[in-house]
Each structure stands twice: as C-alpha cells, then as structure tokens.
PDB file of N, CA and C in Angstrom:
ATOM      1  N   MET A   1     -28.903 -28.281 -38.901  1.00  0.00           N
ATOM      2  CA  MET A   1     -28.460 -26.962 -38.348  1.00  0.00           C
ATOM      3  C   MET A   1     -29.544 -25.873 -38.331  1.00  0.00           C
ATOM      4  N   VAL A   2     -29.513 -25.330 -36.786  1.00  0.00           N
ATOM      5  CA  VAL A   2     -30.738 -24.271 -36.893  1.00  0.00           C
ATOM      6  C   VAL A   2     -30.018 -22.779 -37.357  1.00  0.00           C
ATOM      7  N   THR A   3     -31.113 -22.565 -37.935  1.00  0.00           N
ATOM      8  CA  THR A   3     -30.614 -21.257 -38.521  1.00  0.00           C
ATOM      9  C   THR A   3     -31.573 -20.016 -37.828  1.00  0.00           C
ATOM     10  N   ILE A   4     -31.097 -18.737 -37.339  1.00  0.00           N
ATOM     11  CA  ILE A   4     -32.040 -17.961 -36.477  1.00  0.00           C
ATOM     12  C   ILE A   4     -31.663 -16.689 -37.406  1.00  0.00           C
ATOM     13  N   LYS A   5     -33.238 -16.292 -37.866  1.00  0.00           N
ATOM     14  CA  LYS A   5     -32.944 -14.879 -38.929  1.00  0.00           C
ATOM     15  C   LYS A   5     -33.894 -13.608 -37.675  1.00  0.00           C
ATOM     16  N   HIS A   6     -33.027 -12.824 -38.042  1.00  0.00           N
ATOM     17  CA  HIS A   6     -33.716 -11.861 -37.180  1.00  0.00           C
ATOM     18  C   HIS A   6     -33.930 -10.251 -37.926  1.00  0.00           C
ATOM     19  N   THR A   7     -35.418  -9.840 -37.982  1.00  0.00           N
ATOM     20  CA  THR A   7     -35.474  -8.948 -38.654  1.00  0.00           C
ATOM     21  C   THR A   7     -35.049  -7.461 -38.080  1.00  0.00           C
ATOM     22  N   ARG A   8     -34.955  -6.511 -38.702  1.00  0.00           N
ATOM     23  CA  ARG A   8     -34.287  -5.296 -38.320  1.00  0.00           C
ATOM     24  C   ARG A   8     -34.937  -4.881 -36.817  1.00  0.00           C
ATOM     25  N   GLU A   9     -36.227  -4.981 -36.790  1.00  0.00           N
ATOM     26  CA  GLU A   9     -37.089  -4.561 -35.749  1.00  0.00           C
ATOM     27  C   GLU A   9     -36.775  -5.482 -34.743  1.00  0.00           C
ATOM     28  N   SER A  10     -36.610  -6.886 -34.865  1.00  0.00           N
ATOM     29  CA  SER A  10     -36.113  -7.455 -33.608  1.00  0.00           C
ATOM     30  C   SER A  10     -34.830  -7.186 -33.021  1.00  0.00           C
ATOM     31  N   ILE A  11     -33.741  -6.574 -34.330  1.00  0.00           N
ATOM     32  CA  ILE A  11     -32.478  -6.449 -33.806  1.00  0.00           C
ATOM     33  C   ILE A  11     -32.447  -5.274 -32.621  1.00  0.00           C
ATOM     34  N   ALA A  12     -33.539  -4.235 -33.208  1.00  0.00           N
ATOM     35  CA  ALA A  12     -33.314  -3.045 -32.514  1.00  0.00           C
ATOM     36  C   ALA A  12     -34.113  -3.377 -31.123  1.00  0.00           C
ATOM     37  N   GLU A  13     -35.021  -4.188 -31.190  1.00  0.00           N
ATOM     38  CA  GLU A  13     -35.292  -4.483 -29.799  1.00  0.00           C
ATOM     39  C   GLU A  13     -34.702  -5.029 -28.842  1.00  0.00           C
ATOM     40  N   LEU A  14     -34.082  -5.862 -29.410  1.00  0.00           N
ATOM     41  CA  LEU A  14     -32.636  -6.618 -28.548  1.00  0.00           C
ATOM     42  C   LEU A  14     -31.692  -5.606 -28.143  1.00  0.00           C
ATOM     43  N   GLU A  15     -31.411  -4.933 -29.041  1.00  0.00           N
ATOM     44  CA  GLU A  15     -30.474  -3.656 -28.604  1.00  0.00           C
ATOM     45  C   GLU A  15     -30.861  -2.681 -27.644  1.00  0.00           C
ATOM     46  N   GLN A  16     -32.114  -2.364 -27.664  1.00  0.00           N
ATOM     47  CA  GLN A  16     -32.585  -1.669 -26.482  1.00  0.00           C
ATOM     48  C   GLN A  16     -32.698  -2.332 -25.434  1.00  0.00           C
ATOM     49  N   GLU A  17     -32.981  -3.538 -25.242  1.00  0.00           N
ATOM     50  CA  GLU A  17     -32.966  -4.426 -24.137  1.00  0.00           C
ATOM     51  C   GLU A  17     -31.680  -4.542 -23.826  1.00  0.00           C
ATOM     52  N   ARG A  18     -30.804  -4.830 -24.468  1.00  0.00           N
ATOM     53  CA  ARG A  18     -29.357  -4.825 -23.793  1.00  0.00           C
ATOM     54  C   ARG A  18     -28.709  -3.655 -23.190  1.00  0.00           C
ATOM     55  N   GLU A  19     -29.065  -2.487 -23.770  1.00  0.00           N
ATOM     56  CA  GLU A  19     -28.981  -1.306 -23.222  1.00  0.00           C
ATOM     57  C   GLU A  19     -29.579  -0.988 -22.104  1.00  0.00           C
ATOM     58  N   GLN A  20     -30.887  -1.399 -21.728  1.00  0.00           N
ATOM     59  CA  GLN A  20     -31.672  -1.421 -20.482  1.00  0.00           C
ATOM     60  C   GLN A  20     -30.982  -2.219 -19.214  1.00  0.00           C
ATOM     61  N   TYR A  21     -30.231  -3.334 -19.682  1.00  0.00           N
ATOM     62  CA  TYR A  21     -29.649  -4.271 -18.896  1.00  0.00           C
ATOM     63  C   TYR A  21     -28.540  -3.619 -18.734  1.00  0.00           C
ATOM     64  N   LYS A  22     -27.525  -2.729 -19.346  1.00  0.00           N
ATOM     65  CA  LYS A  22     -26.407  -2.183 -19.062  1.00  0.00           C
ATOM     66  C   LYS A  22     -26.658  -0.890 -18.167  1.00  0.00           C
ATOM     67  N   GLN A  23     -27.871   0.087 -18.579  1.00  0.00           N
ATOM     68  CA  GLN A  23     -28.019   0.583 -17.489  1.00  0.00           C
ATOM     69  C   GLN A  23     -28.405   0.286 -16.030  1.00  0.00           C
ATOM     70  N   GLN A  24     -29.282  -1.118 -15.842  1.00  0.00           N
ATOM     71  CA  GLN A  24     -29.304  -1.295 -14.611  1.00  0.00           C
ATOM     72  C   GLN A  24     -28.375  -2.024 -13.865  1.00  0.00           C
ATOM     73  N   ARG A  25     -27.505  -2.541 -14.725  1.00  0.00           N
ATOM     74  CA  ARG A  25     -26.031  -2.914 -14.230  1.00  0.00           C
ATOM     75  C   ARG A  25     -25.008  -1.596 -13.710  1.00  0.00           C
ATOM     76  N   ASP A  26     -25.091  -0.774 -14.306  1.00  0.00           N
ATOM     77  CA  ASP A  26     -24.415   0.607 -14.115  1.00  0.00           C
ATOM     78  C   ASP A  26     -25.008   1.350 -12.752  1.00  0.00           C
ATOM     79  N   GLU A  27     -26.574   1.082 -12.811  1.00  0.00           N
ATOM     80  CA  GLU A  27     -27.151   1.801 -11.723  1.00  0.00           C
ATOM     81  C   GLU A  27     -26.794   0.849 -10.055  1.00  0.00           C
ATOM     82  N   LEU A  28     -26.480  -0.386 -10.486  1.00  0.00           N
ATOM     83  CA  LEU A  28     -26.595  -1.173  -9.541  1.00  0.00           C
ATOM     84  C   LEU A  28     -25.144  -1.361  -8.924  1.00  0.00           C
ATOM     85  N   ILE A  29     -24.185  -0.931  -9.636  1.00  0.00           N
ATOM     86  CA  ILE A  29     -22.845  -0.623  -9.615  1.00  0.00           C
ATOM     87  C   ILE A  29     -22.567   0.446  -8.462  1.00  0.00           C
ATOM     88  N   GLU A  30     -23.270   1.780  -8.986  1.00  0.00           N
ATOM     89  CA  GLU A  30     -23.118   3.005  -8.416  1.00  0.00           C
ATOM     90  C   GLU A  30     -23.607   2.540  -7.026  1.00  0.00           C
ATOM     91  N   ASP A  31     -24.810   1.828  -6.576  1.00  0.00           N
ATOM     92  CA  ASP A  31     -25.278   1.603  -5.401  1.00  0.00           C
ATOM     93  C   ASP A  31     -24.425   0.942  -4.470  1.00  0.00           C
ATOM     94  N   ILE A  32     -23.903  -0.195  -5.167  1.00  0.00           N
ATOM     95  CA  ILE A  32     -22.783  -1.222  -4.219  1.00  0.00           C
ATOM     96  C   ILE A  32     -21.837  -0.282  -3.974  1.00  0.00           C
ATOM     97  N   GLN A  33     -21.244   0.819  -4.601  1.00  0.00           N
ATOM     98  CA  GLN A  33     -19.994   1.559  -4.309  1.00  0.00           C
ATOM     99  C   GLN A  33     -20.668   2.688  -3.337  1.00  0.00           C
ATOM    100  N   ALA A  34     -21.766   3.280  -3.444  1.00  0.00           N
ATOM    101  CA  ALA A  34     -22.129   4.002  -2.244  1.00  0.00           C
ATOM    102  C   ALA A  34     -22.480   3.024  -0.777  1.00  0.00           C
ATOM    103  N   GLN A  35     -22.789   1.846  -1.184  1.00  0.00           N
ATOM    104  CA  GLN A  35     -22.827   1.173   0.223  1.00  0.00           C
ATOM    105  C   GLN A  35     -21.540   0.841   0.900  1.00  0.00           C
ATOM    106  N   ARG A  36     -20.588   0.714  -0.006  1.00  0.00           N
ATOM    107  CA  ARG A  36     -19.134   0.260   0.497  1.00  0.00           C
ATOM    108  C   ARG A  36     -18.449   1.558   0.962  1.00  0.00           C
ATOM    109  N   ASP A  37     -18.872   2.855   0.495  1.00  0.00           N
ATOM    110  CA  ASP A  37     -18.208   3.935   0.957  1.00  0.00           C
ATOM    111  C   ASP A  37     -18.971   4.393   2.366  1.00  0.00           C
ATOM    112  N   LEU A  38     -20.055   3.723   2.344  1.00  0.00           N
ATOM    113  CA  LEU A  38     -20.801   4.033   3.725  1.00  0.00           C
ATOM    114  C   LEU A  38     -20.294   2.912   4.719  1.00  0.00           C
ATOM    115  N   LEU A  39     -20.003   1.652   4.292  1.00  0.00           N
ATOM    116  CA  LEU A  39     -19.575   0.793   5.441  1.00  0.00           C
ATOM    117  C   LEU A  39     -18.162   1.199   5.697  1.00  0.00           C
ATOM    118  N   LYS A  40     -17.354   2.005   4.761  1.00  0.00           N
ATOM    119  CA  LYS A  40     -15.813   2.208   5.193  1.00  0.00           C
ATOM    120  C   LYS A  40     -15.840   3.299   6.224  1.00  0.00           C
ATOM    121  N   GLU A  41     -16.778   4.309   6.178  1.00  0.00           N
ATOM    122  CA  GLU A  41     -16.781   5.091   7.006  1.00  0.00           C
ATOM    123  C   GLU A  41     -17.279   4.896   8.295  1.00  0.00           C
ATOM    124  N   PHE A  42     -18.448   3.960   8.404  1.00  0.00           N
ATOM    125  CA  PHE A  42     -18.806   3.394   9.531  1.00  0.00           C
ATOM    126  C   PHE A  42     -17.749   2.610  10.324  1.00  0.00           C
ATOM    127  N   SER A  43     -16.877   1.943   9.339  1.00  0.00           N
ATOM    128  CA  SER A  43     -15.641   0.877   9.833  1.00  0.00           C
ATOM    129  C   SER A  43     -14.615   2.016  10.707  1.00  0.00           C
ATOM    130  N   LYS A  44     -14.551   2.922   9.947  1.00  0.00           N
ATOM    131  CA  LYS A  44     -13.555   4.409  10.443  1.00  0.00           C
ATOM    132  C   LYS A  44     -14.325   4.571  12.008  1.00  0.00           C
ATOM    133  N   PHE A  45     -15.579   4.762  12.128  1.00  0.00           N
ATOM    134  CA  PHE A  45     -16.077   5.218  13.258  1.00  0.00           C
ATOM    135  C   PHE A  45     -16.041   4.371  14.487  1.00  0.00           C
ATOM    136  N   ILE A  46     -16.178   2.554  14.077  1.00  0.00           N
ATOM    137  CA  ILE A  46     -15.964   1.623  14.916  1.00  0.00           C
ATOM    138  C   ILE A  46     -14.595   1.571  15.389  1.00  0.00           C
ATOM    139  N   HIS A  47     -13.856   1.652  14.332  1.00  0.00           N
ATOM    140  CA  HIS A  47     -12.350   1.530  14.682  1.00  0.00           C
ATOM    141  C   HIS A  47     -11.859   2.636  15.781  1.00  0.00           C
ATOM    142  N   ARG A  48     -12.557   3.730  15.683  1.00  0.00           N
ATOM    143  CA  ARG A  48     -11.989   4.778  16.963  1.00  0.00           C
ATOM    144  C   ARG A  48     -12.961   4.526  18.038  1.00  0.00           C
ATOM    145  N   LYS A  49     -14.308   3.630  17.893  1.00  0.00           N
ATOM    146  CA  LYS A  49     -15.002   3.479  19.560  1.00  0.00           C
ATOM    147  C   LYS A  49     -13.970   2.495  20.037  1.00  0.00           C
ATOM    148  N   VAL A  50     -13.396   1.307  19.202  1.00  0.00           N
ATOM    149  CA  VAL A  50     -13.000   0.431  19.758  1.00  0.00           C
ATOM    150  C   VAL A  50     -11.566   0.723  20.483  1.00  0.00           C
ATOM    151  N   GLU A  51     -10.616   1.710  19.787  1.00  0.00           N
ATOM    152  CA  GLU A  51      -9.918   2.428  20.653  1.00  0.00           C
ATOM    153  C   GLU A  51     -10.083   3.168  21.933  1.00  0.00           C
ATOM    154  N   ALA A  52     -11.453   3.928  21.906  1.00  0.00           N
ATOM    155  CA  ALA A  52     -11.607   4.400  23.149  1.00  0.00           C
ATOM    156  C   ALA A  52     -12.179   3.607  24.222  1.00  0.00           C
ATOM    157  N   CYS A  53     -13.027   2.330  23.604  1.00  0.00           N
ATOM    158  CA  CYS A  53     -13.482   1.624  24.696  1.00  0.00           C
ATOM    159  C   CYS A  53     -13.076   0.221  24.290  1.00  0.00           C
ATOM    160  N   PRO A  54     -11.774  -0.463  24.870  1.00  0.00           N
ATOM    161  CA  PRO A  54     -11.468  -1.424  24.045  1.00  0.00           C
ATOM    162  C   PRO A  54     -12.037  -2.753  24.562  1.00  0.00           C
ATOM    163  N   GLY A  55     -12.653  -2.765  25.793  1.00  0.00           N
ATOM    164  CA  GLY A  55     -13.423  -3.609  26.291  1.00  0.00           C
ATOM    165  C   GLY A  55     -14.857  -3.838  25.770  1.00  0.00           C
ATOM    166  N   LYS A  56     -15.511  -3.146  24.923  1.00  0.00           N
ATOM    167  CA  LYS A  56     -16.678  -2.966  24.613  1.00  0.00           C
ATOM    168  C   LYS A  56     -17.387  -4.092  23.282  1.00  0.00           C
ATOM    169  N   ALA A  57     -17.807  -5.056  23.754  1.00  0.00           N
ATOM    170  CA  ALA A  57     -17.656  -6.350  22.861  1.00  0.00           C
ATOM    171  C   ALA A  57     -18.786  -6.098  21.810  1.00  0.00           C
ATOM    172  N   GLU A  58     -19.776  -5.060  21.838  1.00  0.00           N
ATOM    173  CA  GLU A  58     -20.116  -4.534  20.835  1.00  0.00           C
ATOM    174  C   GLU A  58     -19.576  -3.909  19.663  1.00  0.00           C
ATOM    175  N   TYR A  59     -18.601  -3.317  19.913  1.00  0.00           N
ATOM    176  CA  TYR A  59     -17.637  -2.415  18.867  1.00  0.00           C
ATOM    177  C   TYR A  59     -16.816  -3.236  18.183  1.00  0.00           C
ATOM    178  N   ILE A  60     -16.186  -4.462  19.176  1.00  0.00           N
ATOM    179  CA  ILE A  60     -15.711  -5.669  18.583  1.00  0.00           C
ATOM    180  C   ILE A  60     -16.395  -6.310  17.652  1.00  0.00           C
ATOM    181  N   ASP A  61     -17.340  -6.813  18.341  1.00  0.00           N
ATOM    182  CA  ASP A  61     -18.552  -7.613  17.073  1.00  0.00           C
ATOM    183  C   ASP A  61     -18.483  -6.933  15.736  1.00  0.00           C
ATOM    184  N   PHE A  62     -18.920  -5.471  15.777  1.00  0.00           N
ATOM    185  CA  PHE A  62     -19.083  -4.668  14.501  1.00  0.00           C
ATOM    186  C   PHE A  62     -18.203  -4.779  13.766  1.00  0.00           C
ATOM    187  N   ARG A  63     -16.755  -4.371  14.244  1.00  0.00           N
ATOM    188  CA  ARG A  63     -15.582  -4.633  13.538  1.00  0.00           C
ATOM    189  C   ARG A  63     -15.222  -5.737  12.884  1.00  0.00           C
ATOM    190  N   ASP A  64     -15.629  -7.063  13.823  1.00  0.00           N
ATOM    191  CA  ASP A  64     -15.262  -8.486  13.235  1.00  0.00           C
ATOM    192  C   ASP A  64     -16.402  -8.459  11.803  1.00  0.00           C
ATOM    193  N   SER A  65     -17.541  -8.178  12.003  1.00  0.00           N
ATOM    194  CA  SER A  65     -18.581  -8.400  10.919  1.00  0.00           C
ATOM    195  C   SER A  65     -18.096  -7.793   9.870  1.00  0.00           C
ATOM    196  N   LEU A  66     -17.497  -6.155  10.158  1.00  0.00           N
ATOM    197  CA  LEU A  66     -17.133  -5.732   8.847  1.00  0.00           C
ATOM    198  C   LEU A  66     -15.840  -6.169   8.462  1.00  0.00           C
ATOM    199  N   LYS A  67     -15.237  -7.074   9.169  1.00  0.00           N
ATOM    200  CA  LYS A  67     -13.981  -7.361   8.401  1.00  0.00           C
ATOM    201  C   LYS A  67     -14.285  -8.663   7.586  1.00  0.00           C
ATOM    202  N   LYS A  68     -15.377  -9.551   8.183  1.00  0.00           N
ATOM    203  CA  LYS A  68     -15.929 -10.416   7.188  1.00  0.00           C
ATOM    204  C   LYS A  68     -16.284 -10.226   5.801  1.00  0.00           C
ATOM    205  N   LEU A  69     -16.805  -9.080   5.933  1.00  0.00           N
ATOM    206  CA  LEU A  69     -17.234  -8.063   4.802  1.00  0.00           C
ATOM    207  C   LEU A  69     -16.007  -7.613   3.832  1.00  0.00           C
ATOM    208  N   GLY A  70     -14.858  -7.950   4.167  1.00  0.00           N
ATOM    209  CA  GLY A  70     -13.798  -7.309   3.266  1.00  0.00           C
ATOM    210  C   GLY A  70     -13.491  -5.850   3.630  1.00  0.00           C
ATOM    211  N   ILE A  71     -14.260  -4.930   4.794  1.00  0.00           N
ATOM    212  CA  ILE A  71     -14.068  -3.940   5.110  1.00  0.00           C
ATOM    213  C   ILE A  71     -13.274  -3.630   6.267  1.00  0.00           C
ATOM    214  N   THR A  72     -12.050  -2.692   5.989  1.00  0.00           N
ATOM    215  CA  THR A  72     -11.527  -2.656   7.284  1.00  0.00           C
ATOM    216  C   THR A  72     -11.466  -1.389   8.081  1.00  0.00           C
ATOM    217  N   GLU A  73     -10.929  -0.861   9.012  1.00  0.00           N
ATOM    218  CA  GLU A  73     -10.811   0.392   9.610  1.00  0.00           C
ATOM    219  C   GLU A  73      -9.645   1.210   8.585  1.00  0.00           C
ATOM    220  N   ARG A  74      -8.856   0.807   8.043  1.00  0.00           N
ATOM    221  CA  ARG A  74      -7.831   1.633   7.045  1.00  0.00           C
ATOM    222  C   ARG A  74      -8.367   1.630   5.907  1.00  0.00           C
ATOM    223  N   ASP A  75      -9.417   1.322   5.108  1.00  0.00           N
ATOM    224  CA  ASP A  75     -10.031   1.582   3.615  1.00  0.00           C
ATOM    225  C   ASP A  75     -10.190   3.008   3.803  1.00  0.00           C
TER     226      ASP A  75
END
C-alpha cells in the first residue's frame, strides 16, 4: 500500500493552488454569465427585428442559432 506524506509546506502550497483554481473558476463563471446576458439582450433585439421584418432570412437565422444555444427571445 502506498503512503503519501505531505509536509506543512506542501499542504500550504496545495491549498494555495486550490484557491487559485477556485478563483479562476469563479472568474470564468462570471464571464459566462456576462456573455449569456449579452446573448439574451441580442435575442430580444433579434426577436423585435423578426417581428418587424418577418421575411428577413438573416434575422430568422440568428434567432435559430440563438435557440440552438438555449437562448430564447423570452429569456
């Protein structure tokens, strides 16, 4: 059986590394949320454009692409 022995210093280094990973994770989550919010605003804009110009393929394509990402005009 393998035994792992850590010194106080190595434990402190591991804890510091873990905190850095947590901070990076939290920053990424915030970035993703900001991007989702922007996509939601863009979705509302596209929805209004589709209503105003129902035959415009570009707007319909944007709306469909947003739906594939899980962003609907009602979000």
